[in-house]
C-alpha atoms as a PDB file:
ATOM      1  CA  MET A   1      72.968  -7.431  72.581  1.00  0.00           C
ATOM      2  CA  ILE A   2      70.310 -10.007  71.694  1.00  0.00           C
ATOM      3  CA  GLY A   3      71.300 -11.985  68.621  1.00  0.00           C
ATOM      4  CA  ILE A   4      68.776 -12.582  65.855  1.00  0.00           C
ATOM      5  CA  VAL A   5      68.580 -15.557  63.505  1.00  0.00           C
ATOM      6  CA  VAL A   6      66.119 -15.698  60.612  1.00  0.00           C
ATOM      7  CA  VAL A   7      65.342 -19.288  59.581  1.00  0.00           C
ATOM      8  CA  THR A   8      63.182 -19.919  56.515  1.00  0.00           C
ATOM      9  CA  HIS A   9      62.440 -22.145  53.584  1.00  0.00           C
ATOM     10  CA  ALA A  10      64.563 -21.477  50.488  1.00  0.00           C
ATOM     11  CA  GLY A  11      66.381 -18.126  50.337  1.00  0.00           C
ATOM     12  CA  LEU A  12      63.737 -16.018  52.074  1.00  0.00           C
ATOM     13  CA  ALA A  13      65.871 -15.517  55.209  1.00  0.00           C
ATOM     14  CA  ARG A  14      68.777 -14.053  53.233  1.00  0.00           C
ATOM     15  CA  GLU A  15      66.470 -11.798  51.257  1.00  0.00           C
ATOM     16  CA  LEU A  16      64.646 -10.512  54.356  1.00  0.00           C
ATOM     17  CA  LEU A  17      67.975  -9.596  55.921  1.00  0.00           C
ATOM     18  CA  HIS A  18      69.145  -8.039  52.652  1.00  0.00           C
ATOM     19  CA  ALA A  19      65.996  -5.880  52.529  1.00  0.00           C
ATOM     20  CA  ALA A  20      66.354  -4.892  56.207  1.00  0.00           C
ATOM     21  CA  GLU A  21      69.976  -3.868  55.676  1.00  0.00           C
ATOM     22  CA  LEU A  22      68.997  -1.900  52.576  1.00  0.00           C
ATOM     23  CA  ILE A  23      66.750   0.153  54.868  1.00  0.00           C
ATOM     24  CA  LEU A  24      68.827   0.192  58.085  1.00  0.00           C
ATOM     25  CA  GLY A  25      72.368  -0.289  56.890  1.00  0.00           C
ATOM     26  CA  PRO A  26      74.688  -3.071  58.076  1.00  0.00           C
ATOM     27  CA  THR A  27      73.564  -5.045  61.116  1.00  0.00           C
ATOM     28  CA  GLN A  28      75.427  -6.780  63.899  1.00  0.00           C
ATOM     29  CA  LEU A  29      74.685 -10.163  65.435  1.00  0.00           C
ATOM     30  CA  VAL A  30      72.054 -11.089  62.847  1.00  0.00           C
ATOM     31  CA  GLY A  31      72.337 -14.335  60.903  1.00  0.00           C
ATOM     32  CA  THR A  32      70.291 -16.385  58.508  1.00  0.00           C
ATOM     33  CA  VAL A  33      69.688 -20.036  57.807  1.00  0.00           C
ATOM     34  CA  SER A  34      67.942 -21.064  54.615  1.00  0.00           C
ATOM     35  CA  ILE A  35      66.595 -24.601  54.487  1.00  0.00           C
ATOM     36  CA  ASP A  36      66.347 -26.056  51.014  1.00  0.00           C
ATOM     37  CA  ARG A  37      64.499 -29.143  49.851  1.00  0.00           C
ATOM     38  CA  GLY A  38      67.620 -31.257  49.439  1.00  0.00           C
ATOM     39  CA  MET A  39      69.115 -30.315  52.821  1.00  0.00           C
ATOM     40  CA  SER A  40      69.079 -33.015  55.469  1.00  0.00           C
ATOM     41  CA  VAL A  41      67.660 -32.240  58.899  1.00  0.00           C
ATOM     42  CA  ASP A  42      71.064 -32.929  60.431  1.00  0.00           C
ATOM     43  CA  VAL A  43      72.781 -30.405  58.151  1.00  0.00           C
ATOM     44  CA  ALA A  44      70.082 -27.820  58.873  1.00  0.00           C
ATOM     45  CA  LYS A  45      70.489 -28.343  62.644  1.00  0.00           C
ATOM     46  CA  GLU A  46      74.257 -27.991  62.370  1.00  0.00           C
ATOM     47  CA  LYS A  47      73.968 -24.745  60.381  1.00  0.00           C
ATOM     48  CA  LEU A  48      71.456 -23.352  62.856  1.00  0.00           C
ATOM     49  CA  GLN A  49      73.615 -24.331  65.824  1.00  0.00           C
ATOM     50  CA  GLN A  50      76.604 -22.531  64.312  1.00  0.00           C
ATOM     51  CA  VAL A  51      74.648 -19.334  63.632  1.00  0.00           C
ATOM     52  CA  VAL A  52      72.959 -19.354  67.065  1.00  0.00           C
ATOM     53  CA  HIS A  53      76.356 -19.750  68.699  1.00  0.00           C
ATOM     54  CA  ARG A  54      77.865 -16.933  66.616  1.00  0.00           C
ATOM     55  CA  VAL A  55      75.114 -14.337  67.150  1.00  0.00           C
ATOM     56  CA  GLY A  56      74.577 -15.286  70.788  1.00  0.00           C
ATOM     57  CA  ALA A  57      78.200 -15.352  71.860  1.00  0.00           C
ATOM     58  CA  ASP A  58      77.838 -12.383  74.225  1.00  0.00           C
ATOM     59  CA  GLY A  59      75.223 -14.215  76.327  1.00  0.00           C
ATOM     60  CA  ASP A  60      72.288 -11.784  75.991  1.00  0.00           C
ATOM     61  CA  GLY A  61      70.149 -14.421  74.269  1.00  0.00           C
ATOM     62  CA  VAL A  62      69.061 -15.276  70.762  1.00  0.00           C
ATOM     63  CA  LEU A  63      65.745 -14.647  69.051  1.00  0.00           C
ATOM     64  CA  ILE A  64      64.983 -17.027  66.183  1.00  0.00           C
ATOM     65  CA  LEU A  65      62.474 -15.709  63.642  1.00  0.00           C
ATOM     66  CA  THR A  66      60.960 -18.415  61.425  1.00  0.00           C
ATOM     67  CA  ASP A  67      58.659 -18.211  58.443  1.00  0.00           C
ATOM     68  CA  LEU A  68      55.910 -20.739  59.114  1.00  0.00           C
ATOM     69  CA  PHE A  69      54.685 -22.348  62.320  1.00  0.00           C
ATOM     70  CA  GLY A  70      54.709 -26.114  61.838  1.00  0.00           C
ATOM     71  CA  GLY A  71      57.217 -25.938  58.989  1.00  0.00           C
ATOM     72  CA  THR A  72      60.683 -27.467  59.008  1.00  0.00           C
ATOM     73  CA  PRO A  73      62.471 -24.205  59.940  1.00  0.00           C
ATOM     74  CA  THR A  74      60.312 -23.811  63.059  1.00  0.00           C
ATOM     75  CA  ASN A  75      60.446 -27.492  63.943  1.00  0.00           C
ATOM     76  CA  ILE A  76      64.239 -27.555  63.761  1.00  0.00           C
ATOM     77  CA  SER A  77      64.495 -24.261  65.664  1.00  0.00           C
ATOM     78  CA  ALA A  78      62.265 -25.628  68.434  1.00  0.00           C
ATOM     79  CA  GLU A  79      65.071 -27.960  69.469  1.00  0.00           C
ATOM     80  CA  PHE A  80      67.081 -24.877  70.475  1.00  0.00           C
ATOM     81  CA  LEU A  81      64.297 -23.310  72.557  1.00  0.00           C
ATOM     82  CA  CYS A  82      65.574 -22.534  76.061  1.00  0.00           C
ATOM     83  CA  PRO A  83      63.926 -20.080  78.495  1.00  0.00           C
ATOM     84  CA  ASP A  84      65.829 -16.789  78.768  1.00  0.00           C
ATOM     85  CA  VAL A  85      68.432 -18.054  76.287  1.00  0.00           C
ATOM     86  CA  VAL A  86      66.706 -18.829  72.970  1.00  0.00           C
ATOM     87  CA  GLU A  87      63.208 -17.652  72.019  1.00  0.00           C
ATOM     88  CA  ILE A  88      61.322 -18.357  68.771  1.00  0.00           C
ATOM     89  CA  LEU A  89      58.708 -16.370  66.859  1.00  0.00           C
ATOM     90  CA  ALA A  90      57.039 -17.875  63.799  1.00  0.00           C
ATOM     91  CA  GLY A  91      55.590 -15.739  61.004  1.00  0.00           C
ATOM     92  CA  VAL A  92      58.514 -13.419  60.332  1.00  0.00           C
ATOM     93  CA  ASN A  93      57.888 -10.436  58.103  1.00  0.00           C
ATOM     94  CA  LEU A  94      60.058  -7.490  57.108  1.00  0.00           C
ATOM     95  CA  PRO A  95      58.534  -5.002  59.593  1.00  0.00           C
ATOM     96  CA  MET A  96      59.069  -7.526  62.412  1.00  0.00           C
ATOM     97  CA  LEU A  97      62.711  -8.042  61.440  1.00  0.00           C
ATOM     98  CA  ILE A  98      63.393  -4.308  61.198  1.00  0.00           C
ATOM     99  CA  LYS A  99      61.726  -3.682  64.568  1.00  0.00           C
ATOM    100  CA  SER A 100      63.669  -6.546  66.182  1.00  0.00           C
ATOM    101  CA  ILE A 101      66.979  -5.062  65.096  1.00  0.00           C
ATOM    102  CA  GLY A 102      66.075  -1.669  66.558  1.00  0.00           C
ATOM    103  CA  ALA A 103      64.312  -2.809  69.736  1.00  0.00           C
ATOM    104  CA  ARG A 104      66.660  -5.535  70.941  1.00  0.00           C
ATOM    105  CA  SER A 105      68.917  -3.228  72.927  1.00  0.00           C
ATOM    106  CA  ASN A 106      65.999  -1.891  75.017  1.00  0.00           C
ATOM    107  CA  ASN A 107      64.346  -5.222  75.890  1.00  0.00           C
ATOM    108  CA  ASP A 108      65.155  -8.544  77.443  1.00  0.00           C
ATOM    109  CA  LEU A 109      64.617 -11.629  75.304  1.00  0.00           C
ATOM    110  CA  GLY A 110      61.086 -12.408  76.500  1.00  0.00           C
ATOM    111  CA  GLY A 111      60.018  -8.777  76.293  1.00  0.00           C
ATOM    112  CA  LEU A 112      61.379  -8.484  72.766  1.00  0.00           C
ATOM    113  CA  ALA A 113      59.516 -11.601  71.645  1.00  0.00           C
ATOM    114  CA  ALA A 114      56.232 -10.317  73.101  1.00  0.00           C
ATOM    115  CA  LEU A 115      56.711  -6.878  71.560  1.00  0.00           C
ATOM    116  CA  LEU A 116      57.467  -8.323  68.135  1.00  0.00           C
ATOM    117  CA  LYS A 117      54.493 -10.682  68.178  1.00  0.00           C
ATOM    118  CA  GLU A 118      52.131  -7.728  68.449  1.00  0.00           C
ATOM    119  CA  TYR A 119      54.179  -5.475  66.196  1.00  0.00           C
ATOM    120  CA  GLY A 120      54.289  -8.042  63.394  1.00  0.00           C
ATOM    121  CA  LYS A 121      50.521  -8.483  63.495  1.00  0.00           C
ATOM    122  CA  ASN A 122      49.885  -4.746  63.581  1.00  0.00           C
ATOM    123  CA  ALA A 123      52.236  -4.140  60.641  1.00  0.00           C
ATOM    124  CA  ILE A 124      49.838  -5.955  58.321  1.00  0.00           C
ATOM    125  CA  MET A 125      47.876  -3.215  56.597  1.00  0.00           C
ATOM    126  CA  ARG A 126      45.176  -2.992  53.969  1.00  0.00           C
ATOM    127  CA  PRO A 127      45.761   0.317  52.172  1.00  0.00           C
ATOM    128  CA  ALA A 128      42.256   0.378  50.693  1.00  0.00           C
ATOM    129  CA  GLU A 129      40.856   0.621  54.237  1.00  0.00           C
ATOM    130  CA  LEU A 130      43.160   3.510  55.060  1.00  0.00           C
ATOM    131  CA  LEU A 131      42.355   5.318  51.853  1.00  0.00           C
ATOM    132  CA  GLY A 132      38.603   4.791  52.196  1.00  0.00           C
ATOM    133  CA  THR A 133      38.297   2.906  48.912  1.00  0.00           C
ATOM    134  CA  VAL A 134      36.892  -0.350  50.304  1.00  0.00           C
ATOM    135  CA  LEU A 135      33.537  -1.218  48.782  1.00  0.00           C
END
């Protein structure tokens, strides 16, 4: 099974996983890394390496979901990028995380990343448009 790691600023990663598990129930092979202001880059890399190793132990690959392209979580994660082994998607949101947990058993790593890129974008909705109340 493809492992998933959510890497974000502050505690967002933990809270996204908490929300996903509130909806889906307990998950397997999903980890989080939260990077705080006072954390050194070396400590952040070590934490990420440990989580990537843990969730990817079965060899099916690891998908890292980060919060902000160009931010420290993505920049640190980029050092782990390896074709067919570790893939990264920046811009994580709750629908993307939920979909990744459900779709990872039916896709290879590259296919999952491509699917989630589109899914995450399409999950952004403006209710006023749907309800016909936009002026």
